[in-house]
PDB file of N, CA and C in Angstrom:
ATOM      1  N   MET A   1     -69.247 -38.735-101.397  1.00  0.00           N
ATOM      2  CA  MET A   1     -69.272 -37.569-101.963  1.00  0.00           C
ATOM      3  C   MET A   1     -68.127 -37.187-102.975  1.00  0.00           C
ATOM      4  N   THR A   2     -68.394 -36.991-104.248  1.00  0.00           N
ATOM      5  CA  THR A   2     -66.925 -36.749-105.043  1.00  0.00           C
ATOM      6  C   THR A   2     -66.483 -35.453-105.042  1.00  0.00           C
ATOM      7  N   GLN A   3     -65.202 -35.392-105.450  1.00  0.00           N
ATOM      8  CA  GLN A   3     -64.570 -34.115-105.232  1.00  0.00           C
ATOM      9  C   GLN A   3     -65.477 -33.103-106.003  1.00  0.00           C
ATOM     10  N   GLU A   4     -65.676 -33.478-107.370  1.00  0.00           N
ATOM     11  CA  GLU A   4     -66.728 -32.503-108.328  1.00  0.00           C
ATOM     12  C   GLU A   4     -67.942 -32.290-107.749  1.00  0.00           C
ATOM     13  N   GLU A   5     -68.783 -32.924-106.662  1.00  0.00           N
ATOM     14  CA  GLU A   5     -69.841 -32.619-106.163  1.00  0.00           C
ATOM     15  C   GLU A   5     -69.710 -31.467-104.835  1.00  0.00           C
ATOM     16  N   MET A   6     -68.074 -31.701-104.313  1.00  0.00           N
ATOM     17  CA  MET A   6     -68.110 -31.094-103.281  1.00  0.00           C
ATOM     18  C   MET A   6     -67.773 -29.571-103.769  1.00  0.00           C
ATOM     19  N   GLU A   7     -66.944 -29.633-104.722  1.00  0.00           N
ATOM     20  CA  GLU A   7     -66.664 -28.176-105.181  1.00  0.00           C
ATOM     21  C   GLU A   7     -67.732 -27.451-105.844  1.00  0.00           C
ATOM     22  N   ALA A   8     -69.013 -28.078-106.062  1.00  0.00           N
ATOM     23  CA  ALA A   8     -70.128 -27.490-106.568  1.00  0.00           C
ATOM     24  C   ALA A   8     -70.883 -26.837-105.534  1.00  0.00           C
ATOM     25  N   LEU A   9     -70.423 -27.011-104.172  1.00  0.00           N
ATOM     26  CA  LEU A   9     -71.211 -26.703-103.070  1.00  0.00           C
ATOM     27  C   LEU A   9     -70.831 -25.230-102.588  1.00  0.00           C
ATOM     28  N   THR A  10     -71.695 -24.408-101.978  1.00  0.00           N
ATOM     29  CA  THR A  10     -71.302 -23.334-101.449  1.00  0.00           C
ATOM     30  C   THR A  10     -70.992 -23.520-100.095  1.00  0.00           C
ATOM     31  N   LEU A  11     -70.464 -22.435 -99.451  1.00  0.00           N
ATOM     32  CA  LEU A  11     -69.853 -22.879 -98.284  1.00  0.00           C
ATOM     33  C   LEU A  11     -71.110 -23.201 -97.273  1.00  0.00           C
ATOM     34  N   GLU A  12     -72.058 -22.394 -97.644  1.00  0.00           N
ATOM     35  CA  GLU A  12     -73.181 -22.664 -96.751  1.00  0.00           C
ATOM     36  C   GLU A  12     -73.809 -24.196 -96.420  1.00  0.00           C
ATOM     37  N   GLN A  13     -73.840 -24.597 -97.972  1.00  0.00           N
ATOM     38  CA  GLN A  13     -74.276 -26.007 -98.202  1.00  0.00           C
ATOM     39  C   GLN A  13     -73.550 -26.935 -97.449  1.00  0.00           C
ATOM     40  N   ALA A  14     -71.842 -26.656 -97.870  1.00  0.00           N
ATOM     41  CA  ALA A  14     -70.798 -27.473 -97.401  1.00  0.00           C
ATOM     42  C   ALA A  14     -71.160 -27.753 -95.625  1.00  0.00           C
ATOM     43  N   LEU A  15     -71.453 -26.445 -94.977  1.00  0.00           N
ATOM     44  CA  LEU A  15     -71.591 -26.337 -93.674  1.00  0.00           C
ATOM     45  C   LEU A  15     -72.842 -26.993 -93.232  1.00  0.00           C
ATOM     46  N   ASP A  16     -73.800 -27.096 -93.642  1.00  0.00           N
ATOM     47  CA  ASP A  16     -75.062 -27.842 -93.573  1.00  0.00           C
ATOM     48  C   ASP A  16     -74.915 -29.195 -94.061  1.00  0.00           C
ATOM     49  N   ASN A  17     -73.883 -29.830 -94.791  1.00  0.00           N
ATOM     50  CA  ASN A  17     -73.815 -31.202 -94.998  1.00  0.00           C
ATOM     51  C   ASN A  17     -73.137 -31.698 -93.623  1.00  0.00           C
ATOM     52  N   VAL A  18     -71.799 -30.745 -93.271  1.00  0.00           N
ATOM     53  CA  VAL A  18     -71.246 -31.078 -91.589  1.00  0.00           C
ATOM     54  C   VAL A  18     -72.427 -31.252 -90.671  1.00  0.00           C
ATOM     55  N   ASP A  19     -73.274 -30.219 -90.512  1.00  0.00           N
ATOM     56  CA  ASP A  19     -74.147 -30.497 -89.699  1.00  0.00           C
ATOM     57  C   ASP A  19     -74.876 -31.935 -89.810  1.00  0.00           C
ATOM     58  N   THR A  20     -75.222 -32.157 -90.911  1.00  0.00           N
ATOM     59  CA  THR A  20     -76.130 -33.343 -90.947  1.00  0.00           C
ATOM     60  C   THR A  20     -75.217 -34.659 -90.980  1.00  0.00           C
ATOM     61  N   THR A  21     -74.001 -34.628 -91.241  1.00  0.00           N
ATOM     62  CA  THR A  21     -72.885 -35.600 -90.787  1.00  0.00           C
ATOM     63  C   THR A  21     -72.602 -36.151 -89.371  1.00  0.00           C
ATOM     64  N   LEU A  22     -72.851 -34.770 -88.781  1.00  0.00           N
ATOM     65  CA  LEU A  22     -72.837 -34.965 -87.458  1.00  0.00           C
ATOM     66  C   LEU A  22     -73.903 -35.341 -86.787  1.00  0.00           C
ATOM     67  N   GLU A  23     -74.836 -34.959 -87.022  1.00  0.00           N
ATOM     68  CA  GLU A  23     -76.370 -35.774 -86.663  1.00  0.00           C
ATOM     69  C   GLU A  23     -76.381 -37.310 -86.815  1.00  0.00           C
ATOM     70  N   LYS A  24     -76.045 -37.646 -87.966  1.00  0.00           N
ATOM     71  CA  LYS A  24     -75.900 -38.990 -88.221  1.00  0.00           C
ATOM     72  C   LYS A  24     -74.552 -39.935 -87.529  1.00  0.00           C
ATOM     73  N   LEU A  25     -73.681 -39.181 -87.007  1.00  0.00           N
ATOM     74  CA  LEU A  25     -72.748 -39.607 -86.371  1.00  0.00           C
ATOM     75  C   LEU A  25     -73.654 -39.663 -84.735  1.00  0.00           C
ATOM     76  N   ALA A  26     -74.057 -38.936 -84.268  1.00  0.00           N
ATOM     77  CA  ALA A  26     -74.903 -39.134 -83.082  1.00  0.00           C
ATOM     78  C   ALA A  26     -75.717 -40.723 -83.083  1.00  0.00           C
ATOM     79  N   GLU A  27     -76.389 -41.049 -84.059  1.00  0.00           N
ATOM     80  CA  GLU A  27     -77.130 -41.868 -83.917  1.00  0.00           C
ATOM     81  C   GLU A  27     -76.334 -43.394 -83.996  1.00  0.00           C
ATOM     82  N   ASP A  28     -77.396 -44.441 -83.613  1.00  0.00           N
ATOM     83  CA  ASP A  28     -76.457 -45.399 -83.179  1.00  0.00           C
ATOM     84  C   ASP A  28     -76.475 -46.622 -84.733  1.00  0.00           C
ATOM     85  N   ILE A  29     -75.140 -46.409 -85.183  1.00  0.00           N
ATOM     86  CA  ILE A  29     -74.858 -46.596 -86.634  1.00  0.00           C
ATOM     87  C   ILE A  29     -73.890 -47.704 -86.405  1.00  0.00           C
ATOM     88  N   PRO A  30     -73.517 -48.720 -87.402  1.00  0.00           N
ATOM     89  CA  PRO A  30     -72.476 -49.602 -87.299  1.00  0.00           C
ATOM     90  C   PRO A  30     -71.164 -48.821 -87.489  1.00  0.00           C
ATOM     91  N   LEU A  31     -70.265 -49.136 -87.040  1.00  0.00           N
ATOM     92  CA  LEU A  31     -68.792 -48.702 -86.862  1.00  0.00           C
ATOM     93  C   LEU A  31     -68.071 -48.299 -88.236  1.00  0.00           C
ATOM     94  N   GLU A  32     -68.347 -49.239 -89.506  1.00  0.00           N
ATOM     95  CA  GLU A  32     -67.683 -48.965 -90.571  1.00  0.00           C
ATOM     96  C   GLU A  32     -68.624 -47.434 -91.250  1.00  0.00           C
ATOM     97  N   GLN A  33     -69.673 -47.654 -90.795  1.00  0.00           N
ATOM     98  CA  GLN A  33     -70.813 -46.415 -91.388  1.00  0.00           C
ATOM     99  C   GLN A  33     -70.431 -45.235 -90.760  1.00  0.00           C
ATOM    100  N   SER A  34     -69.759 -45.140 -89.395  1.00  0.00           N
ATOM    101  CA  SER A  34     -69.605 -44.072 -88.623  1.00  0.00           C
ATOM    102  C   SER A  34     -68.040 -43.543 -89.272  1.00  0.00           C
ATOM    103  N   PHE A  35     -67.221 -44.658 -89.770  1.00  0.00           N
ATOM    104  CA  PHE A  35     -65.821 -44.302 -90.079  1.00  0.00           C
ATOM    105  C   PHE A  35     -66.057 -43.629 -91.406  1.00  0.00           C
ATOM    106  N   ALA A  36     -66.962 -43.893 -92.239  1.00  0.00           N
ATOM    107  CA  ALA A  36     -67.139 -43.333 -93.346  1.00  0.00           C
ATOM    108  C   ALA A  36     -67.617 -42.026 -93.672  1.00  0.00           C
ATOM    109  N   LEU A  37     -68.503 -41.793 -92.352  1.00  0.00           N
ATOM    110  CA  LEU A  37     -69.052 -40.534 -92.182  1.00  0.00           C
ATOM    111  C   LEU A  37     -68.089 -39.421 -91.428  1.00  0.00           C
ATOM    112  N   TYR A  38     -67.515 -40.177 -90.602  1.00  0.00           N
ATOM    113  CA  TYR A  38     -66.247 -39.239 -90.287  1.00  0.00           C
ATOM    114  C   TYR A  38     -65.013 -39.081 -91.373  1.00  0.00           C
ATOM    115  N   LYS A  39     -64.802 -39.668 -92.009  1.00  0.00           N
ATOM    116  CA  LYS A  39     -64.126 -39.180 -93.369  1.00  0.00           C
ATOM    117  C   LYS A  39     -64.682 -38.377 -93.891  1.00  0.00           C
ATOM    118  N   GLU A  40     -66.099 -38.397 -94.608  1.00  0.00           N
ATOM    119  CA  GLU A  40     -66.907 -37.506 -95.115  1.00  0.00           C
ATOM    120  C   GLU A  40     -66.765 -35.984 -94.418  1.00  0.00           C
ATOM    121  N   GLY A  41     -66.940 -36.276 -93.246  1.00  0.00           N
ATOM    122  CA  GLY A  41     -67.047 -34.944 -92.646  1.00  0.00           C
ATOM    123  C   GLY A  41     -65.790 -34.140 -92.432  1.00  0.00           C
ATOM    124  N   MET A  42     -64.627 -34.870 -92.165  1.00  0.00           N
ATOM    125  CA  MET A  42     -63.386 -34.077 -92.336  1.00  0.00           C
ATOM    126  C   MET A  42     -63.254 -33.632 -94.188  1.00  0.00           C
ATOM    127  N   GLU A  43     -63.367 -34.392 -94.507  1.00  0.00           N
ATOM    128  CA  GLU A  43     -63.180 -33.631 -96.025  1.00  0.00           C
ATOM    129  C   GLU A  43     -64.189 -32.544 -96.177  1.00  0.00           C
ATOM    130  N   LEU A  44     -65.238 -32.826 -96.045  1.00  0.00           N
ATOM    131  CA  LEU A  44     -66.004 -31.322 -95.914  1.00  0.00           C
ATOM    132  C   LEU A  44     -65.332 -30.048 -94.841  1.00  0.00           C
ATOM    133  N   LEU A  45     -64.873 -30.494 -93.865  1.00  0.00           N
ATOM    134  CA  LEU A  45     -64.270 -29.332 -92.834  1.00  0.00           C
ATOM    135  C   LEU A  45     -63.266 -28.996 -93.611  1.00  0.00           C
ATOM    136  N   LYS A  46     -62.547 -29.596 -94.237  1.00  0.00           N
ATOM    137  CA  LYS A  46     -61.099 -29.449 -94.841  1.00  0.00           C
ATOM    138  C   LYS A  46     -61.526 -28.319 -96.066  1.00  0.00           C
ATOM    139  N   TYR A  47     -62.632 -28.639 -96.800  1.00  0.00           N
ATOM    140  CA  TYR A  47     -63.176 -27.851 -97.968  1.00  0.00           C
ATOM    141  C   TYR A  47     -63.496 -26.642 -97.442  1.00  0.00           C
ATOM    142  N   CYS A  48     -64.298 -26.496 -96.471  1.00  0.00           N
ATOM    143  CA  CYS A  48     -64.828 -25.330 -95.945  1.00  0.00           C
ATOM    144  C   CYS A  48     -63.868 -24.211 -95.439  1.00  0.00           C
ATOM    145  N   ASP A  49     -62.720 -24.873 -94.798  1.00  0.00           N
ATOM    146  CA  ASP A  49     -61.521 -24.329 -94.078  1.00  0.00           C
ATOM    147  C   ASP A  49     -60.667 -23.642 -95.464  1.00  0.00           C
ATOM    148  N   GLU A  50     -60.880 -24.076 -96.870  1.00  0.00           N
ATOM    149  CA  GLU A  50     -60.074 -23.918 -97.691  1.00  0.00           C
ATOM    150  C   GLU A  50     -60.907 -22.681 -98.487  1.00  0.00           C
ATOM    151  N   LYS A  51     -62.272 -22.779 -98.440  1.00  0.00           N
ATOM    152  CA  LYS A  51     -63.190 -21.745 -98.895  1.00  0.00           C
ATOM    153  C   LYS A  51     -63.103 -20.436 -98.131  1.00  0.00           C
ATOM    154  N   LEU A  52     -63.045 -20.590 -96.741  1.00  0.00           N
ATOM    155  CA  LEU A  52     -62.877 -19.358 -95.992  1.00  0.00           C
ATOM    156  C   LEU A  52     -61.702 -18.834 -96.244  1.00  0.00           C
ATOM    157  N   LYS A  53     -60.452 -19.564 -96.386  1.00  0.00           N
ATOM    158  CA  LYS A  53     -59.194 -18.711 -96.738  1.00  0.00           C
ATOM    159  C   LYS A  53     -59.088 -18.349 -97.800  1.00  0.00           C
ATOM    160  N   LYS A  54     -59.722 -18.518 -98.974  1.00  0.00           N
ATOM    161  CA  LYS A  54     -59.795 -17.904 -99.996  1.00  0.00           C
ATOM    162  C   LYS A  54     -60.595 -16.765 -99.910  1.00  0.00           C
ATOM    163  N   VAL A  55     -61.905 -16.412 -99.361  1.00  0.00           N
ATOM    164  CA  VAL A  55     -62.467 -15.926 -98.949  1.00  0.00           C
ATOM    165  C   VAL A  55     -61.424 -14.593 -98.076  1.00  0.00           C
ATOM    166  N   GLU A  56     -60.718 -14.899 -97.477  1.00  0.00           N
ATOM    167  CA  GLU A  56     -59.822 -14.340 -96.509  1.00  0.00           C
ATOM    168  C   GLU A  56     -58.990 -13.044 -97.438  1.00  0.00           C
ATOM    169  N   GLN A  57     -58.391 -14.271 -98.307  1.00  0.00           N
ATOM    170  CA  GLN A  57     -57.313 -13.863 -99.150  1.00  0.00           C
ATOM    171  C   GLN A  57     -58.035 -12.393-100.103  1.00  0.00           C
ATOM    172  N   GLN A  58     -59.220 -13.072-100.433  1.00  0.00           N
ATOM    173  CA  GLN A  58     -59.981 -11.738-100.978  1.00  0.00           C
ATOM    174  C   GLN A  58     -60.234 -10.319-100.287  1.00  0.00           C
ATOM    175  N   VAL A  59     -60.431 -10.802 -99.218  1.00  0.00           N
ATOM    176  CA  VAL A  59     -60.569  -9.317 -98.407  1.00  0.00           C
ATOM    177  C   VAL A  59     -59.387  -8.586 -98.281  1.00  0.00           C
ATOM    178  N   MET A  60     -58.230  -9.178 -98.258  1.00  0.00           N
ATOM    179  CA  MET A  60     -57.063  -8.309 -97.834  1.00  0.00           C
ATOM    180  C   MET A  60     -56.681  -7.740 -99.316  1.00  0.00           C
ATOM    181  N   VAL A  61     -56.313  -6.395 -98.990  1.00  0.00           N
ATOM    182  CA  VAL A  61     -55.835  -5.373-100.126  1.00  0.00           C
ATOM    183  C   VAL A  61     -54.516  -4.760 -99.876  1.00  0.00           C
ATOM    184  N   LEU A  62     -54.028  -4.523-100.922  1.00  0.00           N
ATOM    185  CA  LEU A  62     -52.464  -3.777-100.642  1.00  0.00           C
ATOM    186  C   LEU A  62     -52.619  -2.066-100.451  1.00  0.00           C
ATOM    187  N   ASN A  63     -51.939  -1.939 -99.320  1.00  0.00           N
ATOM    188  CA  ASN A  63     -52.278  -0.125 -99.419  1.00  0.00           C
ATOM    189  C   ASN A  63     -50.949   0.230-100.381  1.00  0.00           C
ATOM    190  N   GLU A  64     -50.758   1.689-100.212  1.00  0.00           N
ATOM    191  CA  GLU A  64     -50.052   2.234-101.189  1.00  0.00           C
ATOM    192  C   GLU A  64     -48.658   2.049-100.929  1.00  0.00           C
ATOM    193  N   GLU A  65     -48.113   1.708 -99.531  1.00  0.00           N
ATOM    194  CA  GLU A  65     -46.725   0.916 -99.492  1.00  0.00           C
ATOM    195  C   GLU A  65     -46.765  -0.388-100.019  1.00  0.00           C
ATOM    196  N   GLY A  66     -47.338  -1.092-100.525  1.00  0.00           N
ATOM    197  CA  GLY A  66     -47.535  -2.335-100.782  1.00  0.00           C
ATOM    198  C   GLY A  66     -47.582  -3.451 -99.928  1.00  0.00           C
ATOM    199  N   GLU A  67     -48.148  -3.139 -98.320  1.00  0.00           N
ATOM    200  CA  GLU A  67     -48.567  -3.974 -97.412  1.00  0.00           C
ATOM    201  C   GLU A  67     -49.891  -4.393 -97.325  1.00  0.00           C
ATOM    202  N   LEU A  68     -50.099  -5.704 -96.994  1.00  0.00           N
ATOM    203  CA  LEU A  68     -51.238  -5.946 -96.838  1.00  0.00           C
ATOM    204  C   LEU A  68     -52.364  -5.327 -95.877  1.00  0.00           C
ATOM    205  N   ASN A  69     -53.772  -4.976 -95.971  1.00  0.00           N
ATOM    206  CA  ASN A  69     -54.420  -4.699 -95.241  1.00  0.00           C
ATOM    207  C   ASN A  69     -55.667  -5.467 -95.227  1.00  0.00           C
ATOM    208  N   GLU A  70     -56.574  -5.422 -94.232  1.00  0.00           N
ATOM    209  CA  GLU A  70     -57.884  -6.051 -94.098  1.00  0.00           C
ATOM    210  C   GLU A  70     -58.687  -4.994 -94.912  1.00  0.00           C
ATOM    211  N   PHE A  71     -59.696  -5.304 -95.925  1.00  0.00           N
ATOM    212  CA  PHE A  71     -60.839  -4.576 -96.419  1.00  0.00           C
ATOM    213  C   PHE A  71     -61.698  -3.757 -95.483  1.00  0.00           C
ATOM    214  N   GLN A  72     -61.927  -2.548 -95.810  1.00  0.00           N
ATOM    215  CA  GLN A  72     -62.619  -1.951 -94.277  1.00  0.00           C
ATOM    216  C   GLN A  72     -63.716  -1.183 -95.061  1.00  0.00           C
TER     217      GLN A  72
END
């Protein structure tokens, strides 16, 4: 999966792809293919982590004293 294809995914789609990758890794597949799937899965997880961090930052708001608080 290219970087552009990955960036076009929603968080839910990326997590679904992680699940699919894990299912494929559980199958009896050649070692080279398992390495490629593992790499793709790790890239997807990194992408998901970055997306979640961005959402978390958006949920934080500044209070009157200039401190960050969670959005409530």
